[in-house]
Amino acid sequence: MSNRIKVGIVGATGYTGVELLRLLSAHPHVEVTAVTSRSEAGITVADYFPSLRGVYDLVFQTPNDALLDKCDVVFFATPNGVAMKEASAFLAKGIRVIDLSADYRIQDIPTWEKWYGMTHASPETVAEAVYGLSEMNRESLAQAKLVANPGCYPTCVTLAILPLLKSGRLKENMPLIADCKSGVSGAGRKSNVGTLFCEAGDNFKAYGVSGHRHLPEIKQTINQLQHNIAEGFVFVPHLTPMIRGMHATLYLHLQDGTDPHRILADFYQNSPFVDVMPEGSSPETRSVRGANLCRISVQKAPQHDIWIVLSVIDNLVKGAAGQAVQNMNIMFGFNEDAGLQITPLLP
């Protein structure tokens, strides 16, 4: 395989799309050759995204006009329901696909159709998809043709408990609570009254309490790793008045004698994008802003047997575009951190 691959991005005008463009612009083994948008066809990337002036001379094209067939890998940064109709054609031509929507994340088709409210257009392809939580599925990702990039909440939550689940350290049939907060960019770039500045600014609220689409995705992973845990899983997301950032506070019951900090630190010692912080510390969302990082810490609830695991990511990077690039690196045999050696922004 050539040391430089050609990349196409379908649906490149959203927040995830521009984040992909930003990250890939600094990648040593990548040339972005095609970007598509039906609504913005004919407009240059630099005119649409001023932050990319002088970086790209590409023009948005319709999917039919873009030379996607010449790409080695195609990213779908599209709304749910698009990739499942178009990905199979690329796969048939030997082009690898990384889907950042939810189309291939859930293996059980009836469950997916229930939560996403549509009939799946390519159910036969779902079994081929590798779930793209990089730190969990490195070996499978190295051989993958189709990657289902995880959702932002599932990434933030699962990384915090993945080593504990794999080692079977959670107590069965006990509550596992994920209290999560996300910045407004998680809602995407579409027009939505609830994410207007006057609505989201100076405000804090829970949403999706009766059921959020990321709930079955997280439960699917929990079930794969340890039995009799997912039934007690409670997930409550909140919207916070910030642009980027995601914070998960997990309350869990561990088996006696478990040292969660040691388990996490040992598991992630060779993971370049997971930082297990000193015991008792509290990671902040601003400490990962703009970077492909997840910072995790562990504390014991005072005078109680409940453990508290704190996890933060940038929802647009490690929670979306950054993890997608990380998965691409694994798929093509590049260094896992290629193009992703980004220092977080502060302030």
Protein backbone atom coordinates (compact mmCIF):
# COMPACT_ATOMS: atom_id res chain seq x y z
CA MET A 1 0.00 0.00 0.00
CA SER A 2 1.26 3.46 -0.90
CA ASN A 3 2.50 5.53 2.00
CA ARG A 4 0.07 8.31 0.99
CA ILE A 5 -3.61 7.58 0.67
CA LYS A 6 -6.43 9.47 -1.02
CA VAL A 7 -9.33 10.45 1.21
CA GLY A 8 -12.87 11.51 0.44
CA ILE A 9 -15.38 13.06 2.84
CA VAL A 10 -19.10 12.74 2.17
CA GLY A 11 -21.09 15.48 3.88
CA ALA A 12 -18.19 17.75 4.76
CA THR A 13 -20.06 20.91 5.77
CA GLY A 14 -21.00 20.04 9.35
CA TYR A 15 -18.94 20.39 12.51
CA THR A 16 -17.62 16.84 12.17
CA GLY A 17 -16.76 17.47 8.52
CA VAL A 18 -14.73 20.60 9.17
CA GLU A 19 -13.02 18.87 12.08
CA LEU A 20 -12.02 16.03 9.75
CA LEU A 21 -10.65 18.58 7.28
CA ARG A 22 -8.68 20.33 10.02
CA LEU A 23 -7.12 17.13 11.33
CA LEU A 24 -6.39 15.60 7.93
CA SER A 25 -4.70 18.77 6.70
CA ALA A 26 -1.78 18.00 9.03
CA HIS A 27 -1.66 14.26 8.36
CA PRO A 28 1.65 13.15 6.82
CA HIS A 29 0.17 10.21 4.89
CA VAL A 30 -3.08 11.68 3.58
CA GLU A 31 -4.29 13.71 0.61
CA VAL A 32 -7.91 14.84 0.77
CA THR A 33 -9.05 14.67 -2.85
CA ALA A 34 -12.86 14.88 -2.69
CA VAL A 35 -15.37 16.66 -0.44
CA THR A 36 -19.07 16.50 -1.07
CA SER A 37 -22.12 18.53 -0.21
CA ARG A 38 -25.34 18.57 -2.16
CA SER A 39 -26.41 21.92 -0.72
CA GLU A 40 -23.05 23.71 -1.09
CA ALA A 41 -21.84 22.22 -4.39
CA GLY A 42 -19.65 24.67 -6.31
CA ILE A 43 -18.50 26.59 -3.22
CA THR A 44 -14.83 26.39 -2.28
CA VAL A 45 -13.93 24.88 1.08
CA ALA A 46 -11.94 28.01 1.98
CA ASP A 47 -14.93 30.28 1.33
CA TYR A 48 -17.28 28.11 3.36
CA PHE A 49 -14.84 27.56 6.23
CA PRO A 50 -12.65 30.68 6.65
CA SER A 51 -10.46 28.79 9.12
CA LEU A 52 -9.25 26.66 6.19
CA ARG A 53 -8.20 29.54 3.92
CA GLY A 54 -4.78 28.77 2.51
CA VAL A 55 -5.09 25.14 3.60
CA TYR A 56 -7.36 23.63 0.92
CA ASP A 57 -8.14 24.61 -2.66
CA LEU A 58 -10.91 22.02 -2.93
CA VAL A 59 -14.47 22.74 -4.07
CA PHE A 60 -17.54 21.05 -2.64
CA GLN A 61 -19.13 18.75 -5.22
CA THR A 62 -22.20 16.57 -5.38
CA PRO A 63 -21.49 12.92 -4.58
CA ASN A 64 -22.05 12.03 -8.23
CA ASP A 65 -19.47 14.54 -9.46
CA ALA A 66 -16.77 13.96 -6.84
CA LEU A 67 -14.08 11.41 -7.66
CA LEU A 68 -14.87 9.29 -4.62
CA ASP A 69 -14.19 6.10 -6.59
CA LYS A 70 -10.53 7.10 -6.76
CA CYS A 71 -10.20 7.24 -2.97
CA ASP A 72 -8.64 4.65 -0.70
CA VAL A 73 -11.00 5.51 2.14
CA VAL A 74 -14.24 7.48 2.35
CA PHE A 75 -15.52 9.10 5.53
CA PHE A 76 -19.27 9.59 5.92
CA ALA A 77 -19.88 12.69 8.05
CA THR A 78 -23.57 12.58 7.18
CA PRO A 79 -26.88 12.44 9.05
CA ASN A 80 -28.13 9.02 10.10
CA GLY A 81 -29.62 7.09 7.20
CA VAL A 82 -27.22 8.16 4.43
CA ALA A 83 -24.22 5.85 4.77
CA MET A 84 -26.38 2.74 4.95
CA LYS A 85 -27.61 3.51 1.41
CA GLU A 86 -24.25 4.37 -0.13
CA ALA A 87 -21.44 2.58 1.70
CA SER A 88 -21.95 -0.83 0.09
CA ALA A 89 -21.08 0.51 -3.36
CA PHE A 90 -17.69 1.72 -2.11
CA LEU A 91 -17.01 -1.52 -0.27
CA ALA A 92 -17.72 -3.50 -3.44
CA LYS A 93 -14.95 -1.53 -5.17
CA GLY A 94 -12.43 -2.19 -2.43
CA ILE A 95 -12.72 1.30 -0.93
CA ARG A 96 -12.69 1.36 2.86
CA VAL A 97 -15.43 3.24 4.67
CA ILE A 98 -15.49 4.97 8.05
CA ASP A 99 -19.01 5.99 9.01
CA LEU A 100 -19.34 8.70 11.67
CA SER A 101 -23.13 8.38 11.80
CA ALA A 102 -24.98 5.68 13.73
CA ASP A 103 -25.89 3.53 10.72
CA TYR A 104 -23.62 0.59 11.57
CA ARG A 105 -23.06 0.93 15.32
CA ILE A 106 -25.81 -1.36 16.58
CA GLN A 107 -25.65 -4.98 15.46
CA ASP A 108 -29.27 -5.85 16.25
CA ILE A 109 -31.29 -4.45 13.36
CA PRO A 110 -34.71 -4.28 15.13
CA THR A 111 -33.08 -2.38 18.00
CA TRP A 112 -31.49 0.07 15.58
CA GLU A 113 -34.74 0.58 13.70
CA LYS A 114 -36.62 1.18 16.95
CA TRP A 115 -34.24 3.89 18.18
CA TYR A 116 -33.59 5.59 14.84
CA GLY A 117 -37.11 5.41 13.46
CA MET A 118 -36.34 4.10 9.98
CA THR A 119 -35.87 0.84 8.10
CA HIS A 120 -32.23 -0.11 7.70
CA ALA A 121 -31.28 -0.05 4.02
CA SER A 122 -28.36 -2.50 4.20
CA PRO A 123 -28.84 -4.85 7.16
CA GLU A 124 -26.67 -7.48 5.50
CA THR A 125 -23.67 -5.14 5.78
CA VAL A 126 -24.02 -4.39 9.48
CA ALA A 127 -22.30 -7.63 10.52
CA GLU A 128 -19.21 -6.59 8.51
CA ALA A 129 -18.76 -3.36 10.45
CA VAL A 130 -16.11 -3.13 13.14
CA TYR A 131 -17.09 -0.94 16.07
CA GLY A 132 -14.49 1.80 16.04
CA LEU A 133 -13.68 2.28 19.70
CA SER A 134 -9.97 2.29 18.95
CA GLU A 135 -8.71 1.16 22.35
CA MET A 136 -11.11 -1.80 22.41
CA ASN A 137 -10.85 -3.17 18.87
CA ARG A 138 -7.35 -2.41 17.57
CA GLU A 139 -6.79 -5.89 16.13
CA SER A 140 -10.14 -6.00 14.34
CA LEU A 141 -9.73 -2.43 13.07
CA ALA A 142 -6.42 -3.33 11.42
CA GLN A 143 -8.35 -5.67 9.10
CA ALA A 144 -11.55 -3.65 8.80
CA LYS A 145 -13.16 -2.58 5.54
CA LEU A 146 -16.10 -0.83 7.23
CA VAL A 147 -15.82 1.00 10.55
CA ALA A 148 -18.73 2.21 12.65
CA ASN A 149 -17.27 5.19 14.49
CA PRO A 150 -18.77 5.34 18.01
CA GLY A 151 -20.97 8.11 19.29
CA CYS A 152 -19.49 10.79 21.53
CA TYR A 153 -21.28 9.76 24.73
CA PRO A 154 -20.46 6.06 24.20
CA THR A 155 -16.79 6.95 23.72
CA CYS A 156 -16.61 9.07 26.87
CA VAL A 157 -18.51 6.54 28.99
CA THR A 158 -17.05 3.30 27.67
CA LEU A 159 -13.40 4.31 27.85
CA ALA A 160 -13.91 5.04 31.55
CA ILE A 161 -15.07 1.52 32.36
CA LEU A 162 -13.72 -0.62 29.52
CA PRO A 163 -10.80 -2.13 31.51
CA LEU A 164 -13.04 -2.82 34.50
CA LEU A 165 -15.62 -4.59 32.34
CA LYS A 166 -12.99 -6.63 30.48
CA SER A 167 -11.59 -7.84 33.79
CA GLY A 168 -15.07 -8.56 35.16
CA ARG A 169 -14.69 -6.25 38.15
CA LEU A 170 -18.14 -4.65 38.28
CA LYS A 171 -20.64 -6.15 40.68
CA GLU A 172 -23.45 -7.89 38.86
CA ASN A 173 -27.06 -6.76 39.12
CA MET A 174 -26.08 -3.44 40.69
CA PRO A 175 -26.75 0.09 39.38
CA LEU A 176 -24.24 1.59 36.98
CA ILE A 177 -25.00 5.29 36.52
CA ALA A 178 -23.56 7.56 33.83
CA ASP A 179 -24.30 11.24 34.47
CA CYS A 180 -23.09 13.01 31.33
CA LYS A 181 -22.77 16.56 30.02
CA SER A 182 -22.09 17.77 26.49
CA GLY A 183 -21.35 21.03 24.75
CA VAL A 184 -23.83 22.39 22.23
CA SER A 185 -21.78 21.37 19.18
CA GLY A 186 -22.86 17.80 19.89
CA ALA A 187 -26.24 18.68 18.42
CA GLY A 188 -24.64 19.37 15.04
CA ARG A 189 -24.77 22.39 12.74
CA LYS A 190 -28.40 22.12 11.71
CA SER A 191 -30.91 24.76 12.72
CA ASN A 192 -32.47 23.92 16.07
CA VAL A 193 -34.21 26.31 18.45
CA GLY A 194 -32.92 24.42 21.49
CA THR A 195 -29.31 25.13 20.53
CA LEU A 196 -29.71 28.81 19.74
CA PHE A 197 -27.45 31.03 21.87
CA CYS A 198 -30.39 32.62 23.68
CA GLU A 199 -31.76 29.17 24.51
CA ALA A 200 -28.58 27.27 25.45
CA GLY A 201 -26.52 30.12 26.91
CA ASP A 202 -26.64 30.65 30.68
CA ASN A 203 -28.67 27.45 30.97
CA PHE A 204 -28.25 23.82 31.97
CA LYS A 205 -30.70 20.99 31.39
CA ALA A 206 -31.09 17.25 31.11
CA TYR A 207 -32.55 15.76 27.95
CA GLY A 208 -33.34 12.32 26.62
CA VAL A 209 -34.03 11.12 30.15
CA SER A 210 -36.70 8.69 28.96
CA GLY A 211 -34.32 7.25 26.39
CA HIS A 212 -31.39 8.52 24.33
CA ARG A 213 -30.14 6.89 21.11
CA HIS A 214 -26.73 6.30 22.62
CA LEU A 215 -28.21 4.15 25.39
CA PRO A 216 -28.51 0.92 23.34
CA GLU A 217 -25.06 1.55 21.86
CA ILE A 218 -23.43 1.70 25.28
CA LYS A 219 -25.45 -1.26 26.57
CA GLN A 220 -24.38 -3.32 23.55
CA THR A 221 -20.72 -2.85 24.47
CA ILE A 222 -21.32 -3.54 28.15
CA ASN A 223 -23.08 -6.79 27.26
CA GLN A 224 -20.17 -7.86 25.08
CA LEU A 225 -17.68 -7.36 27.91
CA GLN A 226 -19.43 -8.46 31.12
CA HIS A 227 -22.77 -10.12 31.76
CA ASN A 228 -25.48 -8.92 34.16
CA ILE A 229 -24.29 -5.32 34.13
CA ALA A 230 -26.19 -3.60 31.32
CA GLU A 231 -29.56 -4.27 32.96
CA GLY A 232 -28.62 -1.84 35.75
CA PHE A 233 -27.21 0.83 33.46
CA VAL A 234 -28.72 4.32 33.78
CA PHE A 235 -27.69 7.05 31.33
CA VAL A 236 -28.74 10.70 31.67
CA PRO A 237 -27.29 13.29 29.24
CA HIS A 238 -27.27 17.05 29.86
CA LEU A 239 -26.70 20.08 27.65
CA THR A 240 -24.18 22.61 28.94
CA PRO A 241 -23.61 26.20 27.70
CA MET A 242 -20.24 25.58 26.07
CA ILE A 243 -19.28 24.82 22.48
CA ARG A 244 -16.97 21.84 22.87
CA GLY A 245 -16.48 19.30 25.60
CA MET A 246 -18.04 16.28 27.21
CA HIS A 247 -17.89 15.10 30.81
CA ALA A 248 -19.05 11.72 32.12
CA THR A 249 -19.38 11.00 35.84
CA LEU A 250 -19.87 7.30 36.45
CA TYR A 251 -21.04 5.80 39.72
CA LEU A 252 -20.27 2.10 40.00
CA HIS A 253 -20.04 -0.82 42.39
CA LEU A 254 -16.82 -2.84 42.19
CA GLN A 255 -15.96 -6.23 43.56
CA ASP A 256 -14.08 -6.24 46.86
CA GLY A 257 -10.35 -5.83 46.53
CA THR A 258 -10.52 -4.05 43.17
CA ASP A 259 -7.97 -1.32 42.52
CA PRO A 260 -9.64 0.58 39.66
CA HIS A 261 -6.82 3.09 39.20
CA ARG A 262 -4.25 0.34 38.73
CA ILE A 263 -6.51 -1.57 36.32
CA LEU A 264 -7.13 1.54 34.23
CA ALA A 265 -3.49 2.64 34.28
CA ASP A 266 -2.20 -0.81 33.28
CA PHE A 267 -4.76 -1.23 30.50
CA TYR A 268 -4.08 2.16 28.92
CA GLN A 269 -0.31 2.35 29.42
CA ASN A 270 0.28 1.92 25.66
CA SER A 271 -2.70 3.98 24.52
CA PRO A 272 -1.49 7.37 23.27
CA PHE A 273 -4.87 9.06 23.60
CA VAL A 274 -6.05 7.97 27.04
CA ASP A 275 -4.56 9.71 30.06
CA VAL A 276 -5.22 8.04 33.41
CA MET A 277 -4.67 10.84 35.87
CA PRO A 278 -3.49 10.58 39.50
CA GLU A 279 -6.01 9.22 41.98
CA GLY A 280 -8.29 11.88 43.42
CA SER A 281 -7.81 14.34 40.56
CA SER A 282 -10.64 15.85 38.52
CA PRO A 283 -10.17 16.13 34.75
CA GLU A 284 -11.57 19.24 33.07
CA THR A 285 -13.13 19.53 29.63
CA ARG A 286 -10.83 22.44 28.80
CA SER A 287 -7.83 20.12 29.29
CA VAL A 288 -8.79 18.16 26.14
CA ARG A 289 -10.26 20.95 24.00
CA GLY A 290 -9.29 20.51 20.36
CA ALA A 291 -7.28 17.34 21.01
CA ASN A 292 -7.87 13.62 20.50
CA LEU A 293 -7.63 12.86 24.20
CA CYS A 294 -9.66 11.19 26.90
CA ARG A 295 -8.60 12.00 30.45
CA ILE A 296 -9.85 9.72 33.21
CA SER A 297 -9.59 9.75 36.98
CA VAL A 298 -10.94 7.63 39.82
CA GLN A 299 -12.17 8.58 43.28
CA LYS A 300 -13.86 6.68 46.08
CA ALA A 301 -17.06 8.18 47.40
CA PRO A 302 -16.47 9.22 51.01
CA GLN A 303 -17.91 6.84 53.61
CA HIS A 304 -19.44 4.70 50.86
CA ASP A 305 -18.62 1.68 48.72
CA ILE A 306 -19.39 3.52 45.47
CA TRP A 307 -16.54 4.36 43.12
CA ILE A 308 -16.65 7.49 40.96
CA VAL A 309 -14.92 7.50 37.59
CA LEU A 310 -14.59 10.83 35.77
CA SER A 311 -14.00 11.02 32.02
CA VAL A 312 -13.63 13.99 29.66
CA ILE A 313 -13.23 14.30 25.89
CA ASP A 314 -13.71 16.87 23.16
CA ASN A 315 -16.93 15.58 21.61
CA LEU A 316 -15.88 16.69 18.11
CA VAL A 317 -12.40 15.14 18.27
CA LYS A 318 -12.02 11.99 20.38
CA GLY A 319 -15.82 11.79 20.29
CA ALA A 320 -16.02 11.98 16.49
CA ALA A 321 -13.48 13.14 13.88
CA GLY A 322 -10.30 12.49 15.86
CA GLN A 323 -11.28 8.93 16.68
CA ALA A 324 -12.21 8.43 13.03
CA VAL A 325 -8.70 9.49 11.99
CA GLN A 326 -7.23 7.28 14.72
CA ASN A 327 -9.21 4.37 13.28
CA MET A 328 -7.98 5.20 9.78
CA ASN A 329 -4.40 5.12 11.04
CA ILE A 330 -4.92 1.66 12.51
CA MET A 331 -6.63 0.41 9.34
CA PHE A 332 -3.80 1.52 7.06
CA GLY A 333 -0.92 0.60 9.34
CA PHE A 334 0.18 4.15 10.10
CA ASN A 335 1.38 5.21 13.51
CA GLU A 336 -1.74 5.49 15.63
CA ASP A 337 -0.99 9.10 16.51
CA ALA A 338 -0.21 10.25 12.94
CA GLY A 339 -1.79 13.65 12.35
CA LEU A 340 -3.20 13.67 15.87
CA GLN A 341 -0.32 15.01 17.94
CA ILE A 342 -2.32 18.05 18.93
CA THR A 343 -1.86 19.98 22.16
CA PRO A 344 -5.19 20.98 23.74
CA LEU A 345 -6.24 24.65 23.50
CA LEU A 346 -6.17 26.85 26.58
CA PRO A 347 -8.00 29.03 27.37
